[in-house]
C-alpha atoms as a PDB file:
ATOM      1  CA  MET A   1     -31.026 -37.899  56.108  1.00  0.00           C
ATOM      2  CA  ILE A   2     -31.793 -41.604  56.471  1.00  0.00           C
ATOM      3  CA  TRP A   3     -34.075 -43.754  54.368  1.00  0.00           C
ATOM      4  CA  VAL A   4     -36.000 -46.242  56.457  1.00  0.00           C
ATOM      5  CA  GLN A   5     -38.558 -48.863  55.580  1.00  0.00           C
ATOM      6  CA  SER A   6     -41.967 -47.290  55.004  1.00  0.00           C
ATOM      7  CA  ARG A   7     -44.389 -47.668  57.882  1.00  0.00           C
ATOM      8  CA  LYS A   8     -41.529 -48.450  60.265  1.00  0.00           C
ATOM      9  CA  GLU A   9     -40.394 -44.854  60.722  1.00  0.00           C
ATOM     10  CA  HIS A  10     -41.673 -44.454  64.304  1.00  0.00           C
ATOM     11  CA  GLU A  11     -40.237 -47.825  65.323  1.00  0.00           C
ATOM     12  CA  PHE A  12     -36.865 -46.951  63.790  1.00  0.00           C
ATOM     13  CA  LYS A  13     -36.825 -43.529  65.482  1.00  0.00           C
ATOM     14  CA  ALA A  14     -37.409 -45.136  68.883  1.00  0.00           C
ATOM     15  CA  LYS A  15     -34.601 -47.652  68.269  1.00  0.00           C
ATOM     16  CA  PHE A  16     -32.306 -44.883  67.055  1.00  0.00           C
ATOM     17  CA  GLU A  17     -32.906 -42.816  70.209  1.00  0.00           C
ATOM     18  CA  LYS A  18     -32.399 -45.879  72.386  1.00  0.00           C
ATOM     19  CA  ASN A  19     -29.269 -47.282  70.706  1.00  0.00           C
ATOM     20  CA  ILE A  20     -27.337 -44.274  69.346  1.00  0.00           C
ATOM     21  CA  ASP A  21     -25.216 -42.179  71.697  1.00  0.00           C
ATOM     22  CA  PRO A  22     -26.996 -38.795  72.079  1.00  0.00           C
ATOM     23  CA  SER A  23     -23.632 -37.001  71.894  1.00  0.00           C
ATOM     24  CA  LEU A  24     -23.404 -38.059  68.212  1.00  0.00           C
ATOM     25  CA  TYR A  25     -26.395 -35.990  67.112  1.00  0.00           C
ATOM     26  CA  SER A  26     -28.192 -32.839  68.184  1.00  0.00           C
ATOM     27  CA  ARG A  27     -31.601 -33.420  66.610  1.00  0.00           C
ATOM     28  CA  LEU A  28     -33.599 -36.293  65.141  1.00  0.00           C
ATOM     29  CA  LEU A  29     -36.678 -35.379  63.090  1.00  0.00           C
ATOM     30  CA  LEU A  30     -39.570 -37.461  61.867  1.00  0.00           C
ATOM     31  CA  VAL A  31     -41.728 -34.741  60.332  1.00  0.00           C
ATOM     32  CA  THR A  32     -45.510 -35.140  60.551  1.00  0.00           C
ATOM     33  CA  ARG A  33     -48.334 -33.082  59.067  1.00  0.00           C
ATOM     34  CA  THR A  34     -51.750 -32.359  60.519  1.00  0.00           C
ATOM     35  CA  GLU A  35     -54.906 -32.804  58.441  1.00  0.00           C
ATOM     36  CA  LYS A  36     -58.580 -32.551  59.225  1.00  0.00           C
ATOM     37  CA  GLN A  37     -60.549 -35.646  58.302  1.00  0.00           C
ATOM     38  CA  LYS A  38     -64.301 -35.921  58.170  1.00  0.00           C
ATOM     39  CA  HIS A  39     -65.984 -38.238  60.645  1.00  0.00           C
ATOM     40  CA  LYS A  40     -69.651 -38.835  61.413  1.00  0.00           C
ATOM     41  CA  ASP A  41     -69.517 -36.309  64.264  1.00  0.00           C
ATOM     42  CA  GLY A  42     -67.568 -33.589  62.401  1.00  0.00           C
ATOM     43  CA  TYR A  43     -63.904 -33.142  61.600  1.00  0.00           C
ATOM     44  CA  ARG A  44     -60.971 -34.492  63.573  1.00  0.00           C
ATOM     45  CA  GLU A  45     -57.300 -33.667  63.279  1.00  0.00           C
ATOM     46  CA  LYS A  46     -55.089 -36.580  62.322  1.00  0.00           C
ATOM     47  CA  GLU A  47     -51.320 -36.796  61.856  1.00  0.00           C
ATOM     48  CA  PHE A  48     -49.543 -38.279  58.836  1.00  0.00           C
ATOM     49  CA  LEU A  49     -45.881 -38.446  57.879  1.00  0.00           C
ATOM     50  CA  MET A  50     -44.800 -35.462  55.789  1.00  0.00           C
ATOM     51  CA  PHE A  51     -41.840 -37.309  54.247  1.00  0.00           C
ATOM     52  CA  PRO A  52     -42.643 -41.047  54.405  1.00  0.00           C
ATOM     53  CA  GLY A  53     -39.504 -43.162  54.632  1.00  0.00           C
ATOM     54  CA  TYR A  54     -37.223 -40.277  55.658  1.00  0.00           C
ATOM     55  CA  LEU A  55     -35.699 -39.479  59.017  1.00  0.00           C
ATOM     56  CA  PHE A  56     -33.545 -36.370  59.432  1.00  0.00           C
ATOM     57  CA  VAL A  57     -30.494 -36.377  61.700  1.00  0.00           C
ATOM     58  CA  GLU A  58     -28.653 -33.200  62.616  1.00  0.00           C
ATOM     59  CA  THR A  59     -25.077 -34.186  63.392  1.00  0.00           C
ATOM     60  CA  ASP A  60     -21.506 -32.939  63.191  1.00  0.00           C
ATOM     61  CA  CYS A  61     -20.146 -36.484  62.889  1.00  0.00           C
ATOM     62  CA  PRO A  62     -22.159 -38.339  60.225  1.00  0.00           C
ATOM     63  CA  GLU A  63     -19.496 -41.046  59.821  1.00  0.00           C
ATOM     64  CA  LYS A  64     -19.850 -42.066  63.478  1.00  0.00           C
ATOM     65  CA  VAL A  65     -23.659 -42.089  63.187  1.00  0.00           C
ATOM     66  CA  HIS A  66     -23.379 -44.209  60.042  1.00  0.00           C
ATOM     67  CA  GLU A  67     -21.009 -46.607  61.780  1.00  0.00           C
ATOM     68  CA  ALA A  68     -23.360 -46.949  64.758  1.00  0.00           C
ATOM     69  CA  LEU A  69     -26.335 -47.524  62.438  1.00  0.00           C
ATOM     70  CA  TYR A  70     -24.465 -49.929  60.176  1.00  0.00           C
ATOM     71  CA  SER A  71     -24.078 -52.402  63.035  1.00  0.00           C
ATOM     72  CA  GLY A  72     -27.861 -52.836  62.906  1.00  0.00           C
ATOM     73  CA  SER A  73     -29.753 -53.773  59.759  1.00  0.00           C
ATOM     74  CA  GLU A  74     -32.852 -51.710  60.506  1.00  0.00           C
ATOM     75  CA  TYR A  75     -32.207 -48.854  58.135  1.00  0.00           C
ATOM     76  CA  ILE A  76     -31.869 -48.856  54.381  1.00  0.00           C
ATOM     77  CA  LYS A  77     -29.167 -46.217  53.901  1.00  0.00           C
ATOM     78  CA  ILE A  78     -27.956 -42.776  54.689  1.00  0.00           C
ATOM     79  CA  LEU A  79     -28.159 -40.706  51.537  1.00  0.00           C
ATOM     80  CA  ASN A  80     -24.637 -40.276  50.200  1.00  0.00           C
ATOM     81  CA  ASN A  81     -22.638 -39.750  47.050  1.00  0.00           C
ATOM     82  CA  GLU A  82     -19.702 -42.105  46.403  1.00  0.00           C
ATOM     83  CA  GLY A  83     -18.965 -42.595  50.083  1.00  0.00           C
ATOM     84  CA  SER A  84     -19.345 -38.962  51.162  1.00  0.00           C
ATOM     85  CA  PHE A  85     -22.494 -37.804  52.898  1.00  0.00           C
ATOM     86  CA  ILE A  86     -24.858 -35.379  51.231  1.00  0.00           C
ATOM     87  CA  PRO A  87     -26.193 -32.899  53.740  1.00  0.00           C
ATOM     88  CA  LEU A  88     -29.407 -31.034  53.089  1.00  0.00           C
ATOM     89  CA  THR A  89     -28.822 -27.848  51.159  1.00  0.00           C
ATOM     90  CA  GLN A  90     -29.325 -24.622  53.070  1.00  0.00           C
ATOM     91  CA  ARG A  91     -32.510 -24.041  51.028  1.00  0.00           C
ATOM     92  CA  GLU A  92     -33.860 -27.493  51.958  1.00  0.00           C
ATOM     93  CA  GLU A  93     -32.957 -27.030  55.613  1.00  0.00           C
ATOM     94  CA  ASP A  94     -34.580 -23.576  55.638  1.00  0.00           C
ATOM     95  CA  PHE A  95     -37.735 -24.986  54.032  1.00  0.00           C
ATOM     96  CA  ILE A  96     -38.051 -27.788  56.598  1.00  0.00           C
ATOM     97  CA  ASN A  97     -37.332 -25.458  59.540  1.00  0.00           C
ATOM     98  CA  ARG A  98     -39.742 -22.812  58.263  1.00  0.00           C
ATOM     99  CA  ILE A  99     -42.623 -25.162  57.463  1.00  0.00           C
ATOM    100  CA  THR A 100     -42.250 -27.011  60.790  1.00  0.00           C
ATOM    101  CA  GLY A 101     -41.470 -23.951  62.909  1.00  0.00           C
ATOM    102  CA  HIS A 102     -38.365 -25.816  64.217  1.00  0.00           C
ATOM    103  CA  THR A 103     -40.572 -28.632  65.536  1.00  0.00           C
ATOM    104  CA  GLU A 104     -41.452 -32.044  64.093  1.00  0.00           C
ATOM    105  CA  ARG A 105     -44.958 -31.057  63.026  1.00  0.00           C
ATOM    106  CA  VAL A 106     -46.515 -29.151  60.128  1.00  0.00           C
ATOM    107  CA  ASP A 107     -49.837 -27.723  61.319  1.00  0.00           C
ATOM    108  CA  MET A 108     -52.897 -26.892  59.217  1.00  0.00           C
ATOM    109  CA  SER A 109     -52.909 -23.679  57.220  1.00  0.00           C
ATOM    110  CA  LEU A 110     -55.895 -21.451  56.470  1.00  0.00           C
ATOM    111  CA  GLY A 111     -56.376 -19.807  53.114  1.00  0.00           C
ATOM    112  CA  VAL A 112     -58.748 -18.244  50.622  1.00  0.00           C
ATOM    113  CA  ILE A 113     -59.074 -18.431  46.868  1.00  0.00           C
ATOM    114  CA  GLU A 114     -59.313 -14.984  45.266  1.00  0.00           C
ATOM    115  CA  ASP A 115     -59.777 -14.779  41.489  1.00  0.00           C
ATOM    116  CA  GLY A 116     -58.433 -18.306  41.080  1.00  0.00           C
ATOM    117  CA  ASN A 117     -55.300 -17.672  43.159  1.00  0.00           C
ATOM    118  CA  VAL A 118     -54.597 -19.189  46.554  1.00  0.00           C
ATOM    119  CA  LYS A 119     -53.727 -16.805  49.371  1.00  0.00           C
ATOM    120  CA  ILE A 120     -52.602 -18.316  52.667  1.00  0.00           C
ATOM    121  CA  LEU A 121     -53.914 -16.354  55.648  1.00  0.00           C
ATOM    122  CA  SER A 122     -52.154 -18.253  58.413  1.00  0.00           C
ATOM    123  CA  GLY A 123     -50.099 -21.339  59.038  1.00  0.00           C
ATOM    124  CA  PRO A 124     -46.879 -22.885  57.790  1.00  0.00           C
ATOM    125  CA  LEU A 125     -47.771 -22.577  54.089  1.00  0.00           C
ATOM    126  CA  MET A 126     -47.573 -18.756  54.220  1.00  0.00           C
ATOM    127  CA  GLY A 127     -45.034 -17.707  51.620  1.00  0.00           C
ATOM    128  CA  PHE A 128     -45.208 -21.029  49.768  1.00  0.00           C
ATOM    129  CA  GLU A 129     -48.286 -20.246  47.647  1.00  0.00           C
ATOM    130  CA  GLN A 130     -46.292 -20.421  44.405  1.00  0.00           C
ATOM    131  CA  TYR A 131     -45.445 -24.082  45.090  1.00  0.00           C
ATOM    132  CA  ILE A 132     -49.084 -25.190  45.460  1.00  0.00           C
ATOM    133  CA  VAL A 133     -50.053 -27.214  42.375  1.00  0.00           C
ATOM    134  CA  LYS A 134     -53.325 -28.743  43.566  1.00  0.00           C
ATOM    135  CA  ILE A 135     -55.907 -28.204  46.281  1.00  0.00           C
ATOM    136  CA  ASP A 136     -58.478 -30.709  47.493  1.00  0.00           C
ATOM    137  CA  ARG A 137     -60.981 -28.528  49.333  1.00  0.00           C
ATOM    138  CA  HIS A 138     -63.088 -31.492  50.497  1.00  0.00           C
ATOM    139  CA  LYS A 139     -60.132 -33.359  52.027  1.00  0.00           C
ATOM    140  CA  ARG A 140     -58.546 -30.088  53.205  1.00  0.00           C
ATOM    141  CA  LYS A 141     -55.165 -30.760  51.562  1.00  0.00           C
ATOM    142  CA  ALA A 142     -52.719 -28.922  49.352  1.00  0.00           C
ATOM    143  CA  CYS A 143     -50.148 -30.571  47.113  1.00  0.00           C
ATOM    144  CA  LEU A 144     -46.898 -28.646  46.805  1.00  0.00           C
ATOM    145  CA  GLU A 145     -44.227 -29.354  44.223  1.00  0.00           C
ATOM    146  CA  ILE A 146     -40.790 -28.410  45.507  1.00  0.00           C
ATOM    147  CA  GLU A 147     -37.215 -29.418  44.900  1.00  0.00           C
ATOM    148  CA  LEU A 148     -36.026 -31.569  47.773  1.00  0.00           C
ATOM    149  CA  PHE A 149     -33.212 -34.106  48.011  1.00  0.00           C
ATOM    150  CA  GLY A 150     -31.990 -33.189  44.535  1.00  0.00           C
ATOM    151  CA  GLU A 151     -35.272 -33.803  42.709  1.00  0.00           C
ATOM    152  CA  LYS A 152     -38.793 -32.431  42.368  1.00  0.00           C
ATOM    153  CA  LYS A 153     -41.046 -33.900  45.033  1.00  0.00           C
ATOM    154  CA  LYS A 154     -44.749 -33.613  45.679  1.00  0.00           C
ATOM    155  CA  VAL A 155     -45.490 -32.921  49.317  1.00  0.00           C
ATOM    156  CA  ILE A 156     -48.936 -32.910  50.948  1.00  0.00           C
ATOM    157  CA  ALA A 157     -49.840 -30.381  53.643  1.00  0.00           C
ATOM    158  CA  GLY A 158     -53.081 -29.569  55.454  1.00  0.00           C
ATOM    159  CA  LEU A 159     -54.911 -26.546  54.047  1.00  0.00           C
ATOM    160  CA  GLU A 160     -58.424 -25.377  54.837  1.00  0.00           C
ATOM    161  CA  ILE A 161     -59.920 -22.943  52.346  1.00  0.00           C
ATOM    162  CA  VAL A 162     -62.291 -20.715  54.319  1.00  0.00           C
ATOM    163  CA  ALA A 163     -63.576 -18.566  51.423  1.00  0.00           C
ATOM    164  CA  LYS A 164     -63.635 -18.460  47.650  1.00  0.00           C
ATOM    165  CA  SER A 165     -64.433 -15.446  45.476  1.00  0.00           C
END
């Protein structure tokens, strides 16, 4: 996992892919989420970063990736602990793979509210109902509170509530 300057994630990803030997990594993820936003002619889907400032690199040789990145000053740092790299935990990796469907995108979910409880009918949030702490029905968003990167994080995902009882 690499921290990069906010709002420069796409630029950094392009430079990474251009300048880093592809044999050093198997996957590079910049996870986005889809939301529906209201416009004068209805709703349009728009993409936002799911984890602003974070880029995920799947590699078997993190030291070589770090060395290749260190020669440039574009990134802030690779998350590490006293010189040794901290990989994502299996739980964190499973969460990211499950919510993205092994892609780079988290699509909209559909749900209902029954007796004050959220039930996800379809989409990547299925099975994560217990992590939802807030819903904005007008903006079609859900706020999830999950433990990621060693601390509790609030993550926004697209959620359209289609019925409430």
